[in-house]
Amino acid sequence: MDLRQCIECGVSFAPHNRRHKFCSSRCQARFKMRRRRLRRQEQGLCPQCGGPMDYPVRIRPDRSGRQKISYCSRCREKWRRKEVKP
């Protein structure tokens, strides 16, 4: 069979059948997670939990130029508590 490029990471791989698009199950899971989060953002939902947003969804660049995504207040509070643990 021909070599293909993974649509997630770009690595060349030999597919087991003609339907394979990913080099591994890890790449497939990453692709699905990213796609799910983007769909949630488009619908105005929290990209992490899928719940309603308390305020408008914002995607803004941080200092490094990467996009920083806003989350609902419940998810933000969960991450703040996780980071503050002594």
PDB file of N, CA and C in Angstrom:
ATOM      1  N   MET A   1       0.833  -1.194   0.000  1.00  0.00           N
ATOM      2  CA  MET A   1       0.000   0.000   0.000  1.00  0.00           C
ATOM      3  C   MET A   1       0.870   1.248   0.000  1.00  0.00           C
ATOM      4  N   ASP A   2       0.267   2.335  -0.383  1.00  0.00           N
ATOM      5  CA  ASP A   2       0.965   3.615  -0.407  1.00  0.00           C
ATOM      6  C   ASP A   2       1.121   4.172   1.002  1.00  0.00           C
ATOM      7  N   LEU A   3       2.111   5.041   1.154  1.00  0.00           N
ATOM      8  CA  LEU A   3       2.265   5.756   2.412  1.00  0.00           C
ATOM      9  C   LEU A   3       1.313   6.945   2.413  1.00  0.00           C
ATOM     10  N   ARG A   4       0.792   7.250   3.579  1.00  0.00           N
ATOM     11  CA  ARG A   4      -0.090   8.409   3.745  1.00  0.00           C
ATOM     12  C   ARG A   4       0.461   9.300   4.826  1.00  0.00           C
ATOM     13  N   GLN A   5      -0.048  10.534   4.844  1.00  0.00           N
ATOM     14  CA  GLN A   5       0.316  11.469   5.889  1.00  0.00           C
ATOM     15  C   GLN A   5      -0.818  11.549   6.891  1.00  0.00           C
ATOM     16  N   CYS A   6      -0.483  11.493   8.159  1.00  0.00           N
ATOM     17  CA  CYS A   6      -1.470  11.626   9.227  1.00  0.00           C
ATOM     18  C   CYS A   6      -2.054  13.033   9.170  1.00  0.00           C
ATOM     19  N   ILE A   7      -3.388  13.159   9.216  1.00  0.00           N
ATOM     20  CA  ILE A   7      -3.998  14.485   9.115  1.00  0.00           C
ATOM     21  C   ILE A   7      -3.867  15.286  10.405  1.00  0.00           C
ATOM     22  N   GLU A   8      -3.415  14.663  11.489  1.00  0.00           N
ATOM     23  CA  GLU A   8      -3.219  15.376  12.745  1.00  0.00           C
ATOM     24  C   GLU A   8      -1.776  15.841  12.916  1.00  0.00           C
ATOM     25  N   CYS A   9      -0.811  14.943  12.763  1.00  0.00           N
ATOM     26  CA  CYS A   9       0.588  15.295  13.048  1.00  0.00           C
ATOM     27  C   CYS A   9       1.468  15.394  11.809  1.00  0.00           C
ATOM     28  N   GLY A  10       1.009  14.889  10.673  1.00  0.00           N
ATOM     29  CA  GLY A  10       1.775  14.995   9.440  1.00  0.00           C
ATOM     30  C   GLY A  10       2.804  13.897   9.211  1.00  0.00           C
ATOM     31  N   VAL A  11       2.884  12.919  10.097  1.00  0.00           N
ATOM     32  CA  VAL A  11       3.839  11.819   9.966  1.00  0.00           C
ATOM     33  C   VAL A  11       3.371  10.856   8.877  1.00  0.00           C
ATOM     34  N   SER A  12       4.310  10.353   8.083  1.00  0.00           N
ATOM     35  CA  SER A  12       3.971   9.356   7.067  1.00  0.00           C
ATOM     36  C   SER A  12       3.792   7.991   7.730  1.00  0.00           C
ATOM     37  N   PHE A  13       2.778   7.250   7.275  1.00  0.00           N
ATOM     38  CA  PHE A  13       2.517   5.926   7.834  1.00  0.00           C
ATOM     39  C   PHE A  13       1.918   5.034   6.759  1.00  0.00           C
ATOM     40  N   ALA A  14       2.001   3.729   6.976  1.00  0.00           N
ATOM     41  CA  ALA A  14       1.420   2.745   6.056  1.00  0.00           C
ATOM     42  C   ALA A  14       0.058   2.332   6.610  1.00  0.00           C
ATOM     43  N   PRO A  15      -1.029   2.737   5.968  1.00  0.00           N
ATOM     44  CA  PRO A  15      -2.365   2.408   6.486  1.00  0.00           C
ATOM     45  C   PRO A  15      -2.678   0.922   6.335  1.00  0.00           C
ATOM     46  N   HIS A  16      -3.440   0.390   7.267  1.00  0.00           N
ATOM     47  CA  HIS A  16      -3.854  -1.013   7.213  1.00  0.00           C
ATOM     48  C   HIS A  16      -4.974  -1.223   6.197  1.00  0.00           C
ATOM     49  N   ASN A  17      -5.767  -0.183   5.992  1.00  0.00           N
ATOM     50  CA  ASN A  17      -6.796  -0.222   4.951  1.00  0.00           C
ATOM     51  C   ASN A  17      -6.963   1.185   4.376  1.00  0.00           C
ATOM     52  N   ARG A  18      -7.761   1.346   3.376  1.00  0.00           N
ATOM     53  CA  ARG A  18      -7.848   2.630   2.672  1.00  0.00           C
ATOM     54  C   ARG A  18      -8.574   3.714   3.461  1.00  0.00           C
ATOM     55  N   ARG A  19      -9.240   3.347   4.553  1.00  0.00           N
ATOM     56  CA  ARG A  19      -9.980   4.324   5.342  1.00  0.00           C
ATOM     57  C   ARG A  19      -9.146   4.994   6.430  1.00  0.00           C
ATOM     58  N   HIS A  20      -7.976   4.484   6.732  1.00  0.00           N
ATOM     59  CA  HIS A  20      -7.155   5.057   7.805  1.00  0.00           C
ATOM     60  C   HIS A  20      -6.669   6.454   7.438  1.00  0.00           C
ATOM     61  N   LYS A  21      -6.835   7.385   8.383  1.00  0.00           N
ATOM     62  CA  LYS A  21      -6.412   8.769   8.185  1.00  0.00           C
ATOM     63  C   LYS A  21      -5.358   9.197   9.203  1.00  0.00           C
ATOM     64  N   PHE A  22      -5.204   8.409  10.265  1.00  0.00           N
ATOM     65  CA  PHE A  22      -4.318   8.779  11.366  1.00  0.00           C
ATOM     66  C   PHE A  22      -3.237   7.720  11.562  1.00  0.00           C
ATOM     67  N   CYS A  23      -2.074   8.158  12.032  1.00  0.00           N
ATOM     68  CA  CYS A  23      -0.968   7.223  12.258  1.00  0.00           C
ATOM     69  C   CYS A  23      -1.159   6.418  13.538  1.00  0.00           C
ATOM     70  N   SER A  24      -1.949   6.936  14.482  1.00  0.00           N
ATOM     71  CA  SER A  24      -2.158   6.240  15.750  1.00  0.00           C
ATOM     72  C   SER A  24      -3.510   6.613  16.340  1.00  0.00           C
ATOM     73  N   SER A  25      -3.915   5.867  17.341  1.00  0.00           N
ATOM     74  CA  SER A  25      -5.173   6.183  18.023  1.00  0.00           C
ATOM     75  C   SER A  25      -5.032   7.479  18.821  1.00  0.00           C
ATOM     76  N   ARG A  26      -3.821   7.797  19.243  1.00  0.00           N
ATOM     77  CA  ARG A  26      -3.583   9.048  19.971  1.00  0.00           C
ATOM     78  C   ARG A  26      -3.852  10.259  19.072  1.00  0.00           C
ATOM     79  N   CYS A  27      -3.374  10.208  17.834  1.00  0.00           N
ATOM     80  CA  CYS A  27      -3.630  11.298  16.888  1.00  0.00           C
ATOM     81  C   CYS A  27      -5.120  11.401  16.573  1.00  0.00           C
ATOM     82  N   GLN A  28      -5.779  10.279  16.461  1.00  0.00           N
ATOM     83  CA  GLN A  28      -7.212  10.285  16.195  1.00  0.00           C
ATOM     84  C   GLN A  28      -7.967  10.942  17.358  1.00  0.00           C
ATOM     85  N   ALA A  29      -7.589  10.623  18.585  1.00  0.00           N
ATOM     86  CA  ALA A  29      -8.240  11.205  19.757  1.00  0.00           C
ATOM     87  C   ALA A  29      -7.992  12.708  19.832  1.00  0.00           C
ATOM     88  N   ARG A  30      -6.774  13.147  19.537  1.00  0.00           N
ATOM     89  CA  ARG A  30      -6.469  14.583  19.537  1.00  0.00           C
ATOM     90  C   ARG A  30      -7.309  15.330  18.511  1.00  0.00           C
ATOM     91  N   PHE A  31      -7.419  14.749  17.326  1.00  0.00           N
ATOM     92  CA  PHE A  31      -8.200  15.360  16.256  1.00  0.00           C
ATOM     93  C   PHE A  31      -9.670  15.492  16.667  1.00  0.00           C
ATOM     94  N   LYS A  32     -10.225  14.429  17.231  1.00  0.00           N
ATOM     95  CA  LYS A  32     -11.625  14.455  17.655  1.00  0.00           C
ATOM     96  C   LYS A  32     -11.857  15.480  18.762  1.00  0.00           C
ATOM     97  N   MET A  33     -10.928  15.567  19.717  1.00  0.00           N
ATOM     98  CA  MET A  33     -11.062  16.526  20.814  1.00  0.00           C
ATOM     99  C   MET A  33     -11.021  17.956  20.286  1.00  0.00           C
ATOM    100  N   ARG A  34     -10.079  18.233  19.404  1.00  0.00           N
ATOM    101  CA  ARG A  34      -9.967  19.575  18.842  1.00  0.00           C
ATOM    102  C   ARG A  34     -11.224  19.941  18.055  1.00  0.00           C
ATOM    103  N   ARG A  35     -11.726  18.987  17.259  1.00  0.00           N
ATOM    104  CA  ARG A  35     -12.930  19.232  16.465  1.00  0.00           C
ATOM    105  C   ARG A  35     -14.141  19.459  17.372  1.00  0.00           C
ATOM    106  N   ARG A  36     -14.257  18.689  18.452  1.00  0.00           N
ATOM    107  CA  ARG A  36     -15.367  18.853  19.394  1.00  0.00           C
ATOM    108  C   ARG A  36     -15.325  20.229  20.052  1.00  0.00           C
ATOM    109  N   ARG A  37     -14.133  20.654  20.456  1.00  0.00           N
ATOM    110  CA  ARG A  37     -14.009  21.968  21.093  1.00  0.00           C
ATOM    111  C   ARG A  37     -14.354  23.098  20.130  1.00  0.00           C
ATOM    112  N   LEU A  38     -13.916  22.983  18.886  1.00  0.00           N
ATOM    113  CA  LEU A  38     -14.244  24.015  17.902  1.00  0.00           C
ATOM    114  C   LEU A  38     -15.745  24.083  17.650  1.00  0.00           C
ATOM    115  N   ARG A  39     -16.408  22.947  17.571  1.00  0.00           N
ATOM    116  CA  ARG A  39     -17.865  22.931  17.388  1.00  0.00           C
ATOM    117  C   ARG A  39     -18.570  23.584  18.566  1.00  0.00           C
ATOM    118  N   ARG A  40     -18.114  23.291  19.770  1.00  0.00           N
ATOM    119  CA  ARG A  40     -18.719  23.899  20.961  1.00  0.00           C
ATOM    120  C   ARG A  40     -18.546  25.414  20.943  1.00  0.00           C
ATOM    121  N   GLN A  41     -17.365  25.881  20.558  1.00  0.00           N
ATOM    122  CA  GLN A  41     -17.133  27.322  20.490  1.00  0.00           C
ATOM    123  C   GLN A  41     -18.057  27.974  19.478  1.00  0.00           C
ATOM    124  N   GLU A  42     -18.229  27.349  18.325  1.00  0.00           N
ATOM    125  CA  GLU A  42     -19.108  27.892  17.295  1.00  0.00           C
ATOM    126  C   GLU A  42     -20.549  27.980  17.789  1.00  0.00           C
ATOM    127  N   GLN A  43     -20.958  27.068  18.661  1.00  0.00           N
ATOM    128  CA  GLN A  43     -22.315  27.057  19.199  1.00  0.00           C
ATOM    129  C   GLN A  43     -22.456  27.956  20.425  1.00  0.00           C
ATOM    130  N   GLY A  44     -21.362  28.589  20.858  1.00  0.00           N
ATOM    131  CA  GLY A  44     -21.404  29.463  22.022  1.00  0.00           C
ATOM    132  C   GLY A  44     -21.376  28.710  23.340  1.00  0.00           C
ATOM    133  N   LEU A  45     -20.843  27.499  23.342  1.00  0.00           N
ATOM    134  CA  LEU A  45     -20.743  26.688  24.550  1.00  0.00           C
ATOM    135  C   LEU A  45     -19.300  26.657  25.038  1.00  0.00           C
ATOM    136  N   CYS A  46     -19.127  26.259  26.283  1.00  0.00           N
ATOM    137  CA  CYS A  46     -17.784  26.124  26.849  1.00  0.00           C
ATOM    138  C   CYS A  46     -17.050  25.014  26.102  1.00  0.00           C
ATOM    139  N   PRO A  47     -15.844  25.280  25.599  1.00  0.00           N
ATOM    140  CA  PRO A  47     -15.116  24.249  24.854  1.00  0.00           C
ATOM    141  C   PRO A  47     -14.678  23.068  25.712  1.00  0.00           C
ATOM    142  N   GLN A  48     -14.577  23.253  27.022  1.00  0.00           N
ATOM    143  CA  GLN A  48     -14.115  22.180  27.908  1.00  0.00           C
ATOM    144  C   GLN A  48     -15.249  21.232  28.299  1.00  0.00           C
ATOM    145  N   CYS A  49     -16.341  21.785  28.852  1.00  0.00           N
ATOM    146  CA  CYS A  49     -17.408  20.928  29.384  1.00  0.00           C
ATOM    147  C   CYS A  49     -18.655  20.880  28.509  1.00  0.00           C
ATOM    148  N   GLY A  50     -18.804  21.834  27.581  1.00  0.00           N
ATOM    149  CA  GLY A  50     -19.981  21.861  26.717  1.00  0.00           C
ATOM    150  C   GLY A  50     -21.171  22.554  27.349  1.00  0.00           C
ATOM    151  N   GLY A  51     -20.985  23.106  28.533  1.00  0.00           N
ATOM    152  CA  GLY A  51     -22.066  23.813  29.222  1.00  0.00           C
ATOM    153  C   GLY A  51     -22.235  25.225  28.682  1.00  0.00           C
ATOM    154  N   PRO A  52     -23.298  25.906  29.117  1.00  0.00           N
ATOM    155  CA  PRO A  52     -23.537  27.274  28.645  1.00  0.00           C
ATOM    156  C   PRO A  52     -22.475  28.237  29.175  1.00  0.00           C
ATOM    157  N   MET A  53     -22.136  29.228  28.364  1.00  0.00           N
ATOM    158  CA  MET A  53     -21.159  30.241  28.768  1.00  0.00           C
ATOM    159  C   MET A  53     -21.863  31.319  29.581  1.00  0.00           C
ATOM    160  N   ASP A  54     -21.207  31.804  30.621  1.00  0.00           N
ATOM    161  CA  ASP A  54     -21.757  32.860  31.463  1.00  0.00           C
ATOM    162  C   ASP A  54     -21.571  34.226  30.806  1.00  0.00           C
ATOM    163  N   TYR A  55     -20.688  34.311  29.856  1.00  0.00           N
ATOM    164  CA  TYR A  55     -20.346  35.558  29.171  1.00  0.00           C
ATOM    165  C   TYR A  55     -19.943  35.208  27.749  1.00  0.00           C
ATOM    166  N   PRO A  56     -19.789  36.178  26.862  1.00  0.00           N
ATOM    167  CA  PRO A  56     -19.464  35.868  25.456  1.00  0.00           C
ATOM    168  C   PRO A  56     -18.141  35.113  25.301  1.00  0.00           C
ATOM    169  N   VAL A  57     -18.111  34.186  24.359  1.00  0.00           N
ATOM    170  CA  VAL A  57     -16.899  33.420  24.063  1.00  0.00           C
ATOM    171  C   VAL A  57     -15.888  34.354  23.420  1.00  0.00           C
ATOM    172  N   ARG A  58     -14.661  34.328  23.929  1.00  0.00           N
ATOM    173  CA  ARG A  58     -13.596  35.151  23.355  1.00  0.00           C
ATOM    174  C   ARG A  58     -12.399  34.272  23.066  1.00  0.00           C
ATOM    175  N   ILE A  59     -11.790  34.522  21.940  1.00  0.00           N
ATOM    176  CA  ILE A  59     -10.537  33.858  21.607  1.00  0.00           C
ATOM    177  C   ILE A  59      -9.547  34.977  21.341  1.00  0.00           C
ATOM    178  N   ARG A  60      -8.581  35.110  22.211  1.00  0.00           N
ATOM    179  CA  ARG A  60      -7.630  36.211  22.078  1.00  0.00           C
ATOM    180  C   ARG A  60      -6.208  35.663  22.172  1.00  0.00           C
ATOM    181  N   PRO A  61      -5.263  36.332  21.534  1.00  0.00           N
ATOM    182  CA  PRO A  61      -3.872  35.853  21.614  1.00  0.00           C
ATOM    183  C   PRO A  61      -3.251  36.191  22.967  1.00  0.00           C
ATOM    184  N   ASP A  62      -2.417  35.301  23.481  1.00  0.00           N
ATOM    185  CA  ASP A  62      -1.678  35.597  24.698  1.00  0.00           C
ATOM    186  C   ASP A  62      -0.334  36.217  24.319  1.00  0.00           C
ATOM    187  N   ARG A  63       0.566  36.343  25.257  1.00  0.00           N
ATOM    188  CA  ARG A  63       1.853  37.011  25.000  1.00  0.00           C
ATOM    189  C   ARG A  63       2.684  36.325  23.930  1.00  0.00           C
ATOM    190  N   SER A  64       2.579  35.007  23.836  1.00  0.00           N
ATOM    191  CA  SER A  64       3.371  34.276  22.846  1.00  0.00           C
ATOM    192  C   SER A  64       2.712  34.273  21.469  1.00  0.00           C
ATOM    193  N   GLY A  65       1.513  34.850  21.356  1.00  0.00           N
ATOM    194  CA  GLY A  65       0.823  34.899  20.075  1.00  0.00           C
ATOM    195  C   GLY A  65      -0.130  33.743  19.850  1.00  0.00           C
ATOM    196  N   ARG A  66      -0.120  32.767  20.773  1.00  0.00           N
ATOM    197  CA  ARG A  66      -1.055  31.643  20.653  1.00  0.00           C
ATOM    198  C   ARG A  66      -2.440  32.094  21.102  1.00  0.00           C
ATOM    199  N   GLN A  67      -3.454  31.409  20.602  1.00  0.00           N
ATOM    200  CA  GLN A  67      -4.813  31.769  20.973  1.00  0.00           C
ATOM    201  C   GLN A  67      -5.125  31.304  22.386  1.00  0.00           C
ATOM    202  N   LYS A  68      -5.735  32.182  23.156  1.00  0.00           N
ATOM    203  CA  LYS A  68      -6.160  31.846  24.506  1.00  0.00           C
ATOM    204  C   LYS A  68      -7.683  31.794  24.489  1.00  0.00           C
ATOM    205  N   ILE A  69      -8.236  30.665  24.831  1.00  0.00           N
ATOM    206  CA  ILE A  69      -9.670  30.436  24.740  1.00  0.00           C
ATOM    207  C   ILE A  69     -10.315  30.706  26.091  1.00  0.00           C
ATOM    208  N   SER A  70     -11.490  31.326  26.078  1.00  0.00           N
ATOM    209  CA  SER A  70     -12.210  31.555  27.322  1.00  0.00           C
ATOM    210  C   SER A  70     -13.110  30.364  27.628  1.00  0.00           C
ATOM    211  N   TYR A  71     -13.303  30.106  28.909  1.00  0.00           N
ATOM    212  CA  TYR A  71     -14.117  28.991  29.379  1.00  0.00           C
ATOM    213  C   TYR A  71     -15.224  29.516  30.279  1.00  0.00           C
ATOM    214  N   CYS A  72     -16.184  28.660  30.621  1.00  0.00           N
ATOM    215  CA  CYS A  72     -17.259  29.061  31.527  1.00  0.00           C
ATOM    216  C   CYS A  72     -16.670  29.264  32.928  1.00  0.00           C
ATOM    217  N   SER A  73     -17.410  29.942  33.788  1.00  0.00           N
ATOM    218  CA  SER A  73     -16.888  30.253  35.118  1.00  0.00           C
ATOM    219  C   SER A  73     -16.621  28.990  35.938  1.00  0.00           C
ATOM    220  N   ARG A  74     -17.414  27.934  35.741  1.00  0.00           N
ATOM    221  CA  ARG A  74     -17.210  26.690  36.483  1.00  0.00           C
ATOM    222  C   ARG A  74     -15.874  26.042  36.110  1.00  0.00           C
ATOM    223  N   CYS A  75     -15.561  25.983  34.816  1.00  0.00           N
ATOM    224  CA  CYS A  75     -14.288  25.388  34.374  1.00  0.00           C
ATOM    225  C   CYS A  75     -13.101  26.260  34.782  1.00  0.00           C
ATOM    226  N   ARG A  76     -13.265  27.585  34.684  1.00  0.00           N
ATOM    227  CA  ARG A  76     -12.170  28.477  35.097  1.00  0.00           C
ATOM    228  C   ARG A  76     -11.860  28.292  36.567  1.00  0.00           C
ATOM    229  N   GLU A  77     -12.901  28.231  37.394  1.00  0.00           N
ATOM    230  CA  GLU A  77     -12.701  28.066  38.829  1.00  0.00           C
ATOM    231  C   GLU A  77     -12.041  26.723  39.136  1.00  0.00           C
ATOM    232  N   LYS A  78     -12.424  25.693  38.422  1.00  0.00           N
ATOM    233  CA  LYS A  78     -11.822  24.366  38.607  1.00  0.00           C
ATOM    234  C   LYS A  78     -10.321  24.415  38.323  1.00  0.00           C
ATOM    235  N   TRP A  79      -9.926  25.086  37.238  1.00  0.00           N
ATOM    236  CA  TRP A  79      -8.509  25.178  36.891  1.00  0.00           C
ATOM    237  C   TRP A  79      -7.750  26.064  37.866  1.00  0.00           C
ATOM    238  N   ARG A  80      -8.378  27.119  38.356  1.00  0.00           N
ATOM    239  CA  ARG A  80      -7.710  27.981  39.346  1.00  0.00           C
ATOM    240  C   ARG A  80      -7.411  27.202  40.617  1.00  0.00           C
ATOM    241  N   ARG A  81      -8.382  26.434  41.082  1.00  0.00           N
ATOM    242  CA  ARG A  81      -8.170  25.629  42.292  1.00  0.00           C
ATOM    243  C   ARG A  81      -7.074  24.599  42.082  1.00  0.00           C
ATOM    244  N   LYS A  82      -7.036  24.018  40.896  1.00  0.00           N
ATOM    245  CA  LYS A  82      -6.023  23.006  40.582  1.00  0.00           C
ATOM    246  C   LYS A  82      -4.619  23.612  40.598  1.00  0.00           C
ATOM    247  N   GLU A  83      -4.479  24.847  40.098  1.00  0.00           N
ATOM    248  CA  GLU A  83      -3.169  25.506  40.047  1.00  0.00           C
ATOM    249  C   GLU A  83      -2.714  25.994  41.406  1.00  0.00           C
ATOM    250  N   VAL A  84      -3.640  26.339  42.305  1.00  0.00           N
ATOM    251  CA  VAL A  84      -3.300  26.938  43.590  1.00  0.00           C
ATOM    252  C   VAL A  84      -2.948  25.906  44.655  1.00  0.00           C
ATOM    253  N   LYS A  85      -3.170  24.628  44.395  1.00  0.00           N
ATOM    254  CA  LYS A  85      -2.914  23.595  45.406  1.00  0.00           C
ATOM    255  C   LYS A  85      -1.518  23.742  46.014  1.00  0.00           C
ATOM    256  N   PRO A  86      -1.437  23.704  47.359  1.00  0.00           N
ATOM    257  CA  PRO A  86      -0.125  23.841  48.016  1.00  0.00           C
ATOM    258  C   PRO A  86       0.719  22.595  47.897  1.00  0.00           C
TER     259      PRO A  86
END
